Amino acid sequence: MYDLNVLDLFDGLIRSARILGLALACFTMIIGFLNCFFGYRLFKILIMLLGFIAGFTVGTILKELIDVEPIVLGIFSGALAYFLHYFGVFLIGALAGLFHYILFAAFVFEIMPLAFLLVIGGGILALIYQKLLITFSTSVTGAFSIIQGIQLLFYGLFFTALSPPFFILGLLAIFLTVIGFSYQYK
């Protein structure tokens, strides 16, 4: 009745994988472009969206254990991420201050008041210079997303002998980062 040909089945799977790969590459480049050139303006929206996705995912997992609606938890965590984004920026700066202290302590000696000063100072500096910090980080991640999308589009998921050398992709990423940073930080 039905003539099931295994080769037709594999051909359909390969065609579907190519379409999904093309869609993933285009999506990656679009998100990378938006992040590279408009990342600072879209930062709070992105943080809220990521908070919603995280809350919705946790809500979906916990739905089996306790009575919680995933959409409610998603909205709550999205709003929480949106309003507490300053806390996240402070933590990023504090972490950078801690890394600087660890580097200093590795070469000189430990001074605990200096650790406290660098951690708190790093957090405060991150809050003061948050536009610079967010603009730079979004332009870098956006540039690398564009490069990854190009890689996916033309060369597939993995680097092969036909892939361009890493230094060319690195130079292109630096070029896109500089342009994206300059455009965002007007």
C-alpha atoms as a PDB file:
ATOM      1  CA  MET A   1       0.000   0.000   0.000  1.00  0.00           C
ATOM      2  CA  TYR A   2       2.673   2.531   1.049  1.00  0.00           C
ATOM      3  CA  ASP A   3       5.996   2.402  -0.699  1.00  0.00           C
ATOM      4  CA  LEU A   4       8.453   3.514   1.972  1.00  0.00           C
ATOM      5  CA  ASN A   5      11.838   4.147   0.480  1.00  0.00           C
ATOM      6  CA  VAL A   6      14.658   4.607   2.998  1.00  0.00           C
ATOM      7  CA  LEU A   7      16.595   6.845   0.606  1.00  0.00           C
ATOM      8  CA  ASP A   8      13.609   9.189   0.294  1.00  0.00           C
ATOM      9  CA  LEU A   9      13.395   9.325   4.095  1.00  0.00           C
ATOM     10  CA  PHE A  10      17.080  10.268   4.438  1.00  0.00           C
ATOM     11  CA  ASP A  11      16.787  12.768   1.593  1.00  0.00           C
ATOM     12  CA  GLY A  12      13.920  14.468   3.430  1.00  0.00           C
ATOM     13  CA  LEU A  13      15.898  14.520   6.685  1.00  0.00           C
ATOM     14  CA  ILE A  14      18.937  16.031   4.966  1.00  0.00           C
ATOM     15  CA  ARG A  15      16.771  18.657   3.261  1.00  0.00           C
ATOM     16  CA  SER A  16      15.146  19.522   6.613  1.00  0.00           C
ATOM     17  CA  ALA A  17      18.558  19.780   8.301  1.00  0.00           C
ATOM     18  CA  ARG A  18      19.766  22.151   5.584  1.00  0.00           C
ATOM     19  CA  ILE A  19      16.695  24.347   5.993  1.00  0.00           C
ATOM     20  CA  LEU A  20      17.108  24.395   9.781  1.00  0.00           C
ATOM     21  CA  GLY A  21      20.821  25.185   9.402  1.00  0.00           C
ATOM     22  CA  LEU A  22      20.014  28.063   7.049  1.00  0.00           C
ATOM     23  CA  ALA A  23      17.381  29.386   9.452  1.00  0.00           C
ATOM     24  CA  LEU A  24      19.805  29.098  12.395  1.00  0.00           C
ATOM     25  CA  ALA A  25      22.530  30.920  10.464  1.00  0.00           C
ATOM     26  CA  CYS A  26      20.195  33.753   9.457  1.00  0.00           C
ATOM     27  CA  PHE A  27      18.772  34.039  12.991  1.00  0.00           C
ATOM     28  CA  THR A  28      22.284  34.125  14.461  1.00  0.00           C
ATOM     29  CA  MET A  29      23.387  36.876  12.064  1.00  0.00           C
ATOM     30  CA  ILE A  30      20.248  38.972  12.684  1.00  0.00           C
ATOM     31  CA  ILE A  31      20.585  38.714  16.469  1.00  0.00           C
ATOM     32  CA  GLY A  32      24.317  39.432  16.136  1.00  0.00           C
ATOM     33  CA  PHE A  33      23.660  42.510  14.007  1.00  0.00           C
ATOM     34  CA  LEU A  34      21.076  43.845  16.459  1.00  0.00           C
ATOM     35  CA  ASN A  35      23.392  43.179  19.384  1.00  0.00           C
ATOM     36  CA  CYS A  36      26.475  44.636  17.674  1.00  0.00           C
ATOM     37  CA  PHE A  37      24.858  47.883  16.512  1.00  0.00           C
ATOM     38  CA  PHE A  38      21.884  48.391  18.877  1.00  0.00           C
ATOM     39  CA  GLY A  39      22.900  46.343  21.925  1.00  0.00           C
ATOM     40  CA  TYR A  40      22.877  49.155  24.460  1.00  0.00           C
ATOM     41  CA  ARG A  41      19.399  50.302  23.435  1.00  0.00           C
ATOM     42  CA  LEU A  42      18.059  46.741  23.478  1.00  0.00           C
ATOM     43  CA  PHE A  43      19.904  45.619  26.625  1.00  0.00           C
ATOM     44  CA  LYS A  44      17.037  45.936  29.105  1.00  0.00           C
ATOM     45  CA  ILE A  45      14.602  44.280  26.709  1.00  0.00           C
ATOM     46  CA  LEU A  46      17.055  41.438  26.157  1.00  0.00           C
ATOM     47  CA  ILE A  47      17.583  41.022  29.907  1.00  0.00           C
ATOM     48  CA  MET A  48      13.801  40.958  30.437  1.00  0.00           C
ATOM     49  CA  LEU A  49      13.333  38.411  27.652  1.00  0.00           C
ATOM     50  CA  LEU A  50      16.082  36.172  29.023  1.00  0.00           C
ATOM     51  CA  GLY A  51      14.541  36.437  32.503  1.00  0.00           C
ATOM     52  CA  PHE A  52      11.156  35.450  31.082  1.00  0.00           C
ATOM     53  CA  ILE A  53      12.630  32.464  29.238  1.00  0.00           C
ATOM     54  CA  ALA A  54      14.505  31.309  32.351  1.00  0.00           C
ATOM     55  CA  GLY A  55      11.419  31.664  34.564  1.00  0.00           C
ATOM     56  CA  PHE A  56       9.149  29.969  32.032  1.00  0.00           C
ATOM     57  CA  THR A  57      11.600  27.069  31.722  1.00  0.00           C
ATOM     58  CA  VAL A  58      11.872  26.649  35.484  1.00  0.00           C
ATOM     59  CA  GLY A  59       8.074  26.923  35.755  1.00  0.00           C
ATOM     60  CA  THR A  60       7.639  24.209  33.147  1.00  0.00           C
ATOM     61  CA  ILE A  61       9.974  21.907  35.073  1.00  0.00           C
ATOM     62  CA  LEU A  62       8.364  22.694  38.450  1.00  0.00           C
ATOM     63  CA  LYS A  63       4.812  22.349  37.114  1.00  0.00           C
ATOM     64  CA  GLU A  64       5.005  18.616  37.706  1.00  0.00           C
ATOM     65  CA  LEU A  65       6.205  19.051  41.305  1.00  0.00           C
ATOM     66  CA  ILE A  66       4.201  22.024  42.569  1.00  0.00           C
ATOM     67  CA  ASP A  67       1.214  23.981  41.343  1.00  0.00           C
ATOM     68  CA  VAL A  68       2.809  26.849  39.424  1.00  0.00           C
ATOM     69  CA  GLU A  69       1.937  28.300  36.045  1.00  0.00           C
ATOM     70  CA  PRO A  70       5.012  28.675  33.821  1.00  0.00           C
ATOM     71  CA  ILE A  71       3.724  31.878  32.234  1.00  0.00           C
ATOM     72  CA  VAL A  72       3.276  33.536  35.647  1.00  0.00           C
ATOM     73  CA  LEU A  73       6.772  32.557  36.770  1.00  0.00           C
ATOM     74  CA  GLY A  74       8.139  33.734  33.411  1.00  0.00           C
ATOM     75  CA  ILE A  75       6.501  37.151  33.715  1.00  0.00           C
ATOM     76  CA  PHE A  76       7.671  37.492  37.336  1.00  0.00           C
ATOM     77  CA  SER A  77      11.280  36.560  36.566  1.00  0.00           C
ATOM     78  CA  GLY A  78      11.311  38.787  33.463  1.00  0.00           C
ATOM     79  CA  ALA A  79      10.137  41.767  35.513  1.00  0.00           C
ATOM     80  CA  LEU A  80      12.635  40.945  38.268  1.00  0.00           C
ATOM     81  CA  ALA A  81      15.500  40.789  35.749  1.00  0.00           C
ATOM     82  CA  TYR A  82      14.369  44.072  34.200  1.00  0.00           C
ATOM     83  CA  PHE A  83      14.247  45.971  37.491  1.00  0.00           C
ATOM     84  CA  LEU A  84      17.368  44.416  39.011  1.00  0.00           C
ATOM     85  CA  HIS A  85      19.631  44.943  36.029  1.00  0.00           C
ATOM     86  CA  TYR A  86      21.654  47.507  37.997  1.00  0.00           C
ATOM     87  CA  PHE A  87      22.457  44.796  40.525  1.00  0.00           C
ATOM     88  CA  GLY A  88      23.757  42.593  37.687  1.00  0.00           C
ATOM     89  CA  VAL A  89      25.919  45.417  36.338  1.00  0.00           C
ATOM     90  CA  PHE A  90      27.326  45.960  39.854  1.00  0.00           C
ATOM     91  CA  LEU A  91      28.105  42.230  40.165  1.00  0.00           C
ATOM     92  CA  ILE A  92      29.932  42.205  36.830  1.00  0.00           C
ATOM     93  CA  GLY A  93      32.111  45.103  37.977  1.00  0.00           C
ATOM     94  CA  ALA A  94      32.681  43.516  41.382  1.00  0.00           C
ATOM     95  CA  LEU A  95      33.753  40.295  39.702  1.00  0.00           C
ATOM     96  CA  ALA A  96      36.170  42.227  37.492  1.00  0.00           C
ATOM     97  CA  GLY A  97      37.570  43.891  40.634  1.00  0.00           C
ATOM     98  CA  LEU A  98      37.985  40.484  42.260  1.00  0.00           C
ATOM     99  CA  PHE A  99      39.844  39.176  39.198  1.00  0.00           C
ATOM    100  CA  HIS A 100      42.178  42.176  39.364  1.00  0.00           C
ATOM    101  CA  TYR A 101      42.836  41.484  43.048  1.00  0.00           C
ATOM    102  CA  ILE A 102      43.571  37.801  42.344  1.00  0.00           C
ATOM    103  CA  LEU A 103      46.004  38.837  39.621  1.00  0.00           C
ATOM    104  CA  PHE A 104      47.661  41.339  41.981  1.00  0.00           C
ATOM    105  CA  ALA A 105      47.837  38.833  44.851  1.00  0.00           C
ATOM    106  CA  ALA A 106      49.406  36.209  42.596  1.00  0.00           C
ATOM    107  CA  PHE A 107      52.341  38.478  41.759  1.00  0.00           C
ATOM    108  CA  VAL A 108      52.785  40.514  44.923  1.00  0.00           C
ATOM    109  CA  PHE A 109      51.106  39.467  48.183  1.00  0.00           C
ATOM    110  CA  GLU A 110      47.646  39.367  49.713  1.00  0.00           C
ATOM    111  CA  ILE A 111      46.179  42.516  51.214  1.00  0.00           C
ATOM    112  CA  MET A 112      42.581  41.889  52.291  1.00  0.00           C
ATOM    113  CA  PRO A 113      41.521  45.560  52.513  1.00  0.00           C
ATOM    114  CA  LEU A 114      42.707  45.911  48.921  1.00  0.00           C
ATOM    115  CA  ALA A 115      40.452  42.999  47.909  1.00  0.00           C
ATOM    116  CA  PHE A 116      37.449  44.681  49.510  1.00  0.00           C
ATOM    117  CA  LEU A 117      38.339  48.014  47.912  1.00  0.00           C
ATOM    118  CA  LEU A 118      38.760  46.504  44.438  1.00  0.00           C
ATOM    119  CA  VAL A 119      35.536  44.479  44.638  1.00  0.00           C
ATOM    120  CA  ILE A 120      33.388  47.385  45.841  1.00  0.00           C
ATOM    121  CA  GLY A 121      35.241  49.867  43.630  1.00  0.00           C
ATOM    122  CA  GLY A 122      34.830  47.608  40.603  1.00  0.00           C
ATOM    123  CA  GLY A 123      31.091  47.384  41.207  1.00  0.00           C
ATOM    124  CA  ILE A 124      30.753  51.151  41.605  1.00  0.00           C
ATOM    125  CA  LEU A 125      32.870  51.822  38.499  1.00  0.00           C
ATOM    126  CA  ALA A 126      30.711  49.408  36.521  1.00  0.00           C
ATOM    127  CA  LEU A 127      27.620  51.334  37.580  1.00  0.00           C
ATOM    128  CA  ILE A 128      29.249  54.655  36.695  1.00  0.00           C
ATOM    129  CA  TYR A 129      30.579  53.432  33.346  1.00  0.00           C
ATOM    130  CA  GLN A 130      27.776  51.015  32.565  1.00  0.00           C
ATOM    131  CA  LYS A 131      27.128  52.493  29.128  1.00  0.00           C
ATOM    132  CA  LEU A 132      30.755  51.888  28.170  1.00  0.00           C
ATOM    133  CA  LEU A 133      30.702  48.379  29.664  1.00  0.00           C
ATOM    134  CA  ILE A 134      27.404  47.331  28.064  1.00  0.00           C
ATOM    135  CA  THR A 135      28.226  48.943  24.723  1.00  0.00           C
ATOM    136  CA  PHE A 136      31.593  47.215  24.494  1.00  0.00           C
ATOM    137  CA  SER A 137      30.291  43.803  25.559  1.00  0.00           C
ATOM    138  CA  THR A 138      27.292  43.892  23.221  1.00  0.00           C
ATOM    139  CA  SER A 139      29.405  45.010  20.274  1.00  0.00           C
ATOM    140  CA  VAL A 140      31.898  42.179  20.908  1.00  0.00           C
ATOM    141  CA  THR A 141      29.258  39.473  21.352  1.00  0.00           C
ATOM    142  CA  GLY A 142      27.288  40.808  18.397  1.00  0.00           C
ATOM    143  CA  ALA A 143      30.351  40.753  16.154  1.00  0.00           C
ATOM    144  CA  PHE A 144      31.134  37.179  17.142  1.00  0.00           C
ATOM    145  CA  SER A 145      27.511  36.170  16.531  1.00  0.00           C
ATOM    146  CA  ILE A 146      27.698  37.643  13.032  1.00  0.00           C
ATOM    147  CA  ILE A 147      30.918  35.699  12.396  1.00  0.00           C
ATOM    148  CA  GLN A 148      29.324  32.508  13.744  1.00  0.00           C
ATOM    149  CA  GLY A 149      26.305  33.038  11.477  1.00  0.00           C
ATOM    150  CA  ILE A 150      28.571  33.463   8.447  1.00  0.00           C
ATOM    151  CA  GLN A 151      30.452  30.338   9.486  1.00  0.00           C
ATOM    152  CA  LEU A 152      27.185  28.392   9.756  1.00  0.00           C
ATOM    153  CA  LEU A 153      25.860  29.729   6.473  1.00  0.00           C
ATOM    154  CA  PHE A 154      28.879  28.997   4.319  1.00  0.00           C
ATOM    155  CA  TYR A 155      30.823  26.269   6.087  1.00  0.00           C
ATOM    156  CA  GLY A 156      28.423  24.421   8.371  1.00  0.00           C
ATOM    157  CA  LEU A 157      28.549  23.809  12.076  1.00  0.00           C
ATOM    158  CA  PHE A 158      32.188  22.765  12.284  1.00  0.00           C
ATOM    159  CA  PHE A 159      35.394  24.199  10.898  1.00  0.00           C
ATOM    160  CA  THR A 160      36.760  22.235   7.974  1.00  0.00           C
ATOM    161  CA  ALA A 161      39.722  22.507   5.630  1.00  0.00           C
ATOM    162  CA  LEU A 162      37.588  24.870   3.512  1.00  0.00           C
ATOM    163  CA  SER A 163      36.918  27.224   6.418  1.00  0.00           C
ATOM    164  CA  PRO A 164      38.731  30.547   6.335  1.00  0.00           C
ATOM    165  CA  PRO A 165      41.716  30.828   8.690  1.00  0.00           C
ATOM    166  CA  PHE A 166      40.961  31.849  12.262  1.00  0.00           C
ATOM    167  CA  PHE A 167      42.960  35.066  11.984  1.00  0.00           C
ATOM    168  CA  ILE A 168      40.756  36.291   9.110  1.00  0.00           C
ATOM    169  CA  LEU A 169      37.638  35.632  11.161  1.00  0.00           C
ATOM    170  CA  GLY A 170      39.319  37.281  14.153  1.00  0.00           C
ATOM    171  CA  LEU A 171      40.197  40.385  12.137  1.00  0.00           C
ATOM    172  CA  LEU A 172      36.654  40.549  10.816  1.00  0.00           C
ATOM    173  CA  ALA A 173      35.319  40.240  14.383  1.00  0.00           C
ATOM    174  CA  ILE A 174      37.610  43.060  15.569  1.00  0.00           C
ATOM    175  CA  PHE A 175      36.552  45.213  12.609  1.00  0.00           C
ATOM    176  CA  LEU A 176      32.849  44.619  13.318  1.00  0.00           C
ATOM    177  CA  THR A 177      33.404  45.268  17.040  1.00  0.00           C
ATOM    178  CA  VAL A 178      35.048  48.633  16.354  1.00  0.00           C
ATOM    179  CA  ILE A 179      32.303  49.676  13.920  1.00  0.00           C
ATOM    180  CA  GLY A 180      29.529  48.456  16.239  1.00  0.00           C
ATOM    181  CA  PHE A 181      31.077  50.151  19.283  1.00  0.00           C
ATOM    182  CA  SER A 182      31.568  53.409  17.366  1.00  0.00           C
ATOM    183  CA  TYR A 183      27.980  53.345  16.136  1.00  0.00           C
ATOM    184  CA  GLN A 184      26.517  52.611  19.563  1.00  0.00           C
ATOM    185  CA  TYR A 185      28.703  54.982  21.572  1.00  0.00           C
ATOM    186  CA  LYS A 186      27.813  58.243  19.864  1.00  0.00           C
END
